[in-house]
Every structure is written in structure tokens, then in C-alpha cells.
Amino acid sequence: MQIESGRLGDGQVYLKVRPARKKAVSGPTEGWQLVPGKGLYTEVAMTEKGRVLASAPVTEQPAPKKMEQVDFITRLGKLPAKVRSSVGYDVTFDAKGHVTRVQSLYTP
């Protein structure tokens, strides 16, 4: 998936997401290349206990790092738009359509 932005409202984190595909990248380093989706972004809520695992370029390291939800949306908002649009995410939803897990895909 792609995540355009995040926000905190009513004590809950919301993400603007849309589908995308990922393509494996190999060479000197291994990671993922995002194949952007088309269409509008949809705002979805994260569950209170939703987990976030992030890696470069959201963090400074290639290995996934556990983050607080608010820290994640803060870092996401600081990324340049071009970089933000190139990062892909594995997103897990519960039966109600709320996000229970976000993991950024390492982008070399």
C-alpha cells in the first residue's frame, strides 16, 4: 500500500492509504520498489494497539524498528513528498477495517 499522510484526531491515529504493488529489488542491497496505485486515498483508523515497524527511508536503518504510532506519522510527515510517494507498506486490517499493523518496506 501507499500511505500519503497520517494525523492524530480524537486520540486516535488515522492514515490515508491506497493500494499499490511491490516489486523485489536485488543487487548490492535487497529491498522493495513500489509500483504506485491509482485513484484516491482512503482515510482509515489504526487500532489503539496497532503496531508500526518502519525501516529506511522512514528511519535511518534498513532493519525494521518498532515505533509508536504518533512518532511514525510525525516522521512520515517530514519526508519529502517524492520520497513519501516511493515508500511501500504492508498493512494489516481487522474485520472492522481498522489498521492493526503497518510495516514499511525497505527502499534502497
C-alpha atoms as a PDB file:
ATOM      1  CA  MET A   1       0.000   0.000   0.000  1.00  0.00           C
ATOM      2  CA  GLN A   2       0.913   3.650  -0.201  1.00  0.00           C
ATOM      3  CA  ILE A   3       0.433   5.980   2.757  1.00  0.00           C
ATOM      4  CA  GLU A   4       0.066   9.618   1.781  1.00  0.00           C
ATOM      5  CA  SER A   5      -0.218  11.062   5.294  1.00  0.00           C
ATOM      6  CA  GLY A   6      -1.261  10.464   8.861  1.00  0.00           C
ATOM      7  CA  ARG A   7      -2.946  12.504  11.525  1.00  0.00           C
ATOM      8  CA  LEU A   8      -3.961  12.334  15.161  1.00  0.00           C
ATOM      9  CA  GLY A   9      -7.610  13.060  15.921  1.00  0.00           C
ATOM     10  CA  ASP A  10      -9.755  12.292  18.955  1.00  0.00           C
ATOM     11  CA  GLY A  11      -6.811  10.415  20.476  1.00  0.00           C
ATOM     12  CA  GLN A  12      -6.623   8.037  17.507  1.00  0.00           C
ATOM     13  CA  VAL A  13      -4.203   7.810  14.568  1.00  0.00           C
ATOM     14  CA  TYR A  14      -5.646   7.964  11.053  1.00  0.00           C
ATOM     15  CA  LEU A  15      -3.791   7.095   7.842  1.00  0.00           C
ATOM     16  CA  LYS A  16      -4.597   7.989   4.234  1.00  0.00           C
ATOM     17  CA  VAL A  17      -3.925   4.823   2.208  1.00  0.00           C
ATOM     18  CA  ARG A  18      -4.399   3.367  -1.267  1.00  0.00           C
ATOM     19  CA  PRO A  19      -3.450   0.034  -2.822  1.00  0.00           C
ATOM     20  CA  ALA A  20      -0.082  -0.425  -4.551  1.00  0.00           C
ATOM     21  CA  ARG A  21       2.098  -3.331  -5.615  1.00  0.00           C
ATOM     22  CA  LYS A  22       5.633  -4.124  -4.539  1.00  0.00           C
ATOM     23  CA  LYS A  23       8.481  -5.444  -6.670  1.00  0.00           C
ATOM     24  CA  ALA A  24      11.591  -7.097  -5.235  1.00  0.00           C
ATOM     25  CA  VAL A  25      14.890  -5.296  -5.842  1.00  0.00           C
ATOM     26  CA  SER A  26      18.186  -7.171  -5.673  1.00  0.00           C
ATOM     27  CA  GLY A  27      21.773  -6.213  -6.253  1.00  0.00           C
ATOM     28  CA  PRO A  28      24.252  -4.866  -3.737  1.00  0.00           C
ATOM     29  CA  THR A  29      21.290  -4.477  -1.355  1.00  0.00           C
ATOM     30  CA  GLU A  30      17.875  -6.080  -1.302  1.00  0.00           C
ATOM     31  CA  GLY A  31      14.632  -4.260  -0.784  1.00  0.00           C
ATOM     32  CA  TRP A  32      11.381  -3.282  -2.478  1.00  0.00           C
ATOM     33  CA  GLN A  33      10.322  -0.946  -5.225  1.00  0.00           C
ATOM     34  CA  LEU A  34       6.808   0.457  -5.029  1.00  0.00           C
ATOM     35  CA  VAL A  35       4.534   0.317  -8.055  1.00  0.00           C
ATOM     36  CA  PRO A  36       2.081   3.131  -7.210  1.00  0.00           C
ATOM     37  CA  GLY A  37      -1.634   2.559  -7.312  1.00  0.00           C
ATOM     38  CA  LYS A  38      -4.140   4.845  -8.964  1.00  0.00           C
ATOM     39  CA  GLY A  39      -7.114   6.614  -7.540  1.00  0.00           C
ATOM     40  CA  LEU A  40      -7.975   8.400  -4.360  1.00  0.00           C
ATOM     41  CA  TYR A  41      -6.587   7.783  -0.903  1.00  0.00           C
ATOM     42  CA  THR A  42      -8.944   6.497   1.792  1.00  0.00           C
ATOM     43  CA  GLU A  43      -8.644   7.511   5.436  1.00  0.00           C
ATOM     44  CA  VAL A  44      -8.566   4.580   7.860  1.00  0.00           C
ATOM     45  CA  ALA A  45      -8.161   4.443  11.629  1.00  0.00           C
ATOM     46  CA  MET A  46      -5.482   2.473  13.442  1.00  0.00           C
ATOM     47  CA  THR A  47      -6.477   0.340  16.398  1.00  0.00           C
ATOM     48  CA  GLU A  48      -5.214   1.515  19.779  1.00  0.00           C
ATOM     49  CA  LYS A  49      -2.743  -1.381  19.915  1.00  0.00           C
ATOM     50  CA  GLY A  50      -1.832  -1.239  16.205  1.00  0.00           C
ATOM     51  CA  ARG A  51       1.869  -1.979  15.638  1.00  0.00           C
ATOM     52  CA  VAL A  52       4.214   0.001  13.429  1.00  0.00           C
ATOM     53  CA  LEU A  53       7.501  -1.395  12.118  1.00  0.00           C
ATOM     54  CA  ALA A  54       9.484   1.015   9.969  1.00  0.00           C
ATOM     55  CA  SER A  55      12.757   0.969   8.075  1.00  0.00           C
ATOM     56  CA  ALA A  56      14.622   3.298   5.686  1.00  0.00           C
ATOM     57  CA  PRO A  57      13.741   5.837   4.481  1.00  0.00           C
ATOM     58  CA  VAL A  58      11.220   6.355   7.318  1.00  0.00           C
ATOM     59  CA  THR A  59      14.002   5.569   9.790  1.00  0.00           C
ATOM     60  CA  GLU A  60      17.739   5.732   9.292  1.00  0.00           C
ATOM     61  CA  GLN A  61      18.218   1.960   9.229  1.00  0.00           C
ATOM     62  CA  PRO A  62      17.351  -0.891   6.848  1.00  0.00           C
ATOM     63  CA  ALA A  63      16.174  -3.243   9.623  1.00  0.00           C
ATOM     64  CA  PRO A  64      12.565  -2.797  10.784  1.00  0.00           C
ATOM     65  CA  LYS A  65      12.266  -0.804  14.004  1.00  0.00           C
ATOM     66  CA  LYS A  66       9.205  -0.775  16.250  1.00  0.00           C
ATOM     67  CA  MET A  67       7.753   2.729  16.536  1.00  0.00           C
ATOM     68  CA  GLU A  68       4.949   4.466  18.353  1.00  0.00           C
ATOM     69  CA  GLN A  69       2.073   5.400  16.043  1.00  0.00           C
ATOM     70  CA  VAL A  70       2.439   9.158  16.644  1.00  0.00           C
ATOM     71  CA  ASP A  71       6.210   9.002  16.027  1.00  0.00           C
ATOM     72  CA  PHE A  72       5.514   7.206  12.742  1.00  0.00           C
ATOM     73  CA  ILE A  73       3.081   9.829  11.412  1.00  0.00           C
ATOM     74  CA  THR A  74       5.455  12.609  12.537  1.00  0.00           C
ATOM     75  CA  ARG A  75       8.374  11.051  10.622  1.00  0.00           C
ATOM     76  CA  LEU A  76       6.125  10.330   7.653  1.00  0.00           C
ATOM     77  CA  GLY A  77       5.095  13.981   7.515  1.00  0.00           C
ATOM     78  CA  LYS A  78       8.746  15.105   7.468  1.00  0.00           C
ATOM     79  CA  LEU A  79       9.624  13.034   4.402  1.00  0.00           C
ATOM     80  CA  PRO A  80       9.734  14.963   1.121  1.00  0.00           C
ATOM     81  CA  ALA A  81       6.619  14.233  -0.988  1.00  0.00           C
ATOM     82  CA  LYS A  82       8.685  12.486  -3.683  1.00  0.00           C
ATOM     83  CA  VAL A  83      10.263  10.149  -1.128  1.00  0.00           C
ATOM     84  CA  ARG A  84       6.961   9.572   0.704  1.00  0.00           C
ATOM     85  CA  SER A  85       5.276   8.522  -2.549  1.00  0.00           C
ATOM     86  CA  SER A  86       8.015   5.950  -3.271  1.00  0.00           C
ATOM     87  CA  VAL A  87       7.712   4.058   0.027  1.00  0.00           C
ATOM     88  CA  GLY A  88       5.501   0.975   0.171  1.00  0.00           C
ATOM     89  CA  TYR A  89       3.867  -0.598   3.210  1.00  0.00           C
ATOM     90  CA  ASP A  90       2.431  -3.942   4.213  1.00  0.00           C
ATOM     91  CA  VAL A  91      -0.781  -3.024   6.038  1.00  0.00           C
ATOM     92  CA  THR A  92      -2.979  -5.429   8.015  1.00  0.00           C
ATOM     93  CA  PHE A  93      -6.633  -4.694   8.748  1.00  0.00           C
ATOM     94  CA  ASP A  94      -9.053  -6.190  11.263  1.00  0.00           C
ATOM     95  CA  ALA A  95     -12.622  -7.261  10.441  1.00  0.00           C
ATOM     96  CA  LYS A  96     -13.867  -3.690  11.039  1.00  0.00           C
ATOM     97  CA  GLY A  97     -11.398  -2.196   8.533  1.00  0.00           C
ATOM     98  CA  HIS A  98      -9.099  -0.698  11.155  1.00  0.00           C
ATOM     99  CA  VAL A  99      -5.332  -0.961  10.753  1.00  0.00           C
ATOM    100  CA  THR A 100      -3.721  -3.395  13.185  1.00  0.00           C
ATOM    101  CA  ARG A 101      -0.204  -3.408  11.707  1.00  0.00           C
ATOM    102  CA  VAL A 102       1.938  -1.276   9.386  1.00  0.00           C
ATOM    103  CA  GLN A 103       5.373  -2.291   8.169  1.00  0.00           C
ATOM    104  CA  SER A 104       7.338  -0.102   5.795  1.00  0.00           C
ATOM    105  CA  LEU A 105       9.186  -1.917   3.043  1.00  0.00           C
ATOM    106  CA  TYR A 106      12.901  -1.159   2.932  1.00  0.00           C
ATOM    107  CA  THR A 107      13.631   1.040  -0.067  1.00  0.00           C
ATOM    108  CA  PRO A 108      17.331   1.043  -1.003  1.00  0.00           C
END
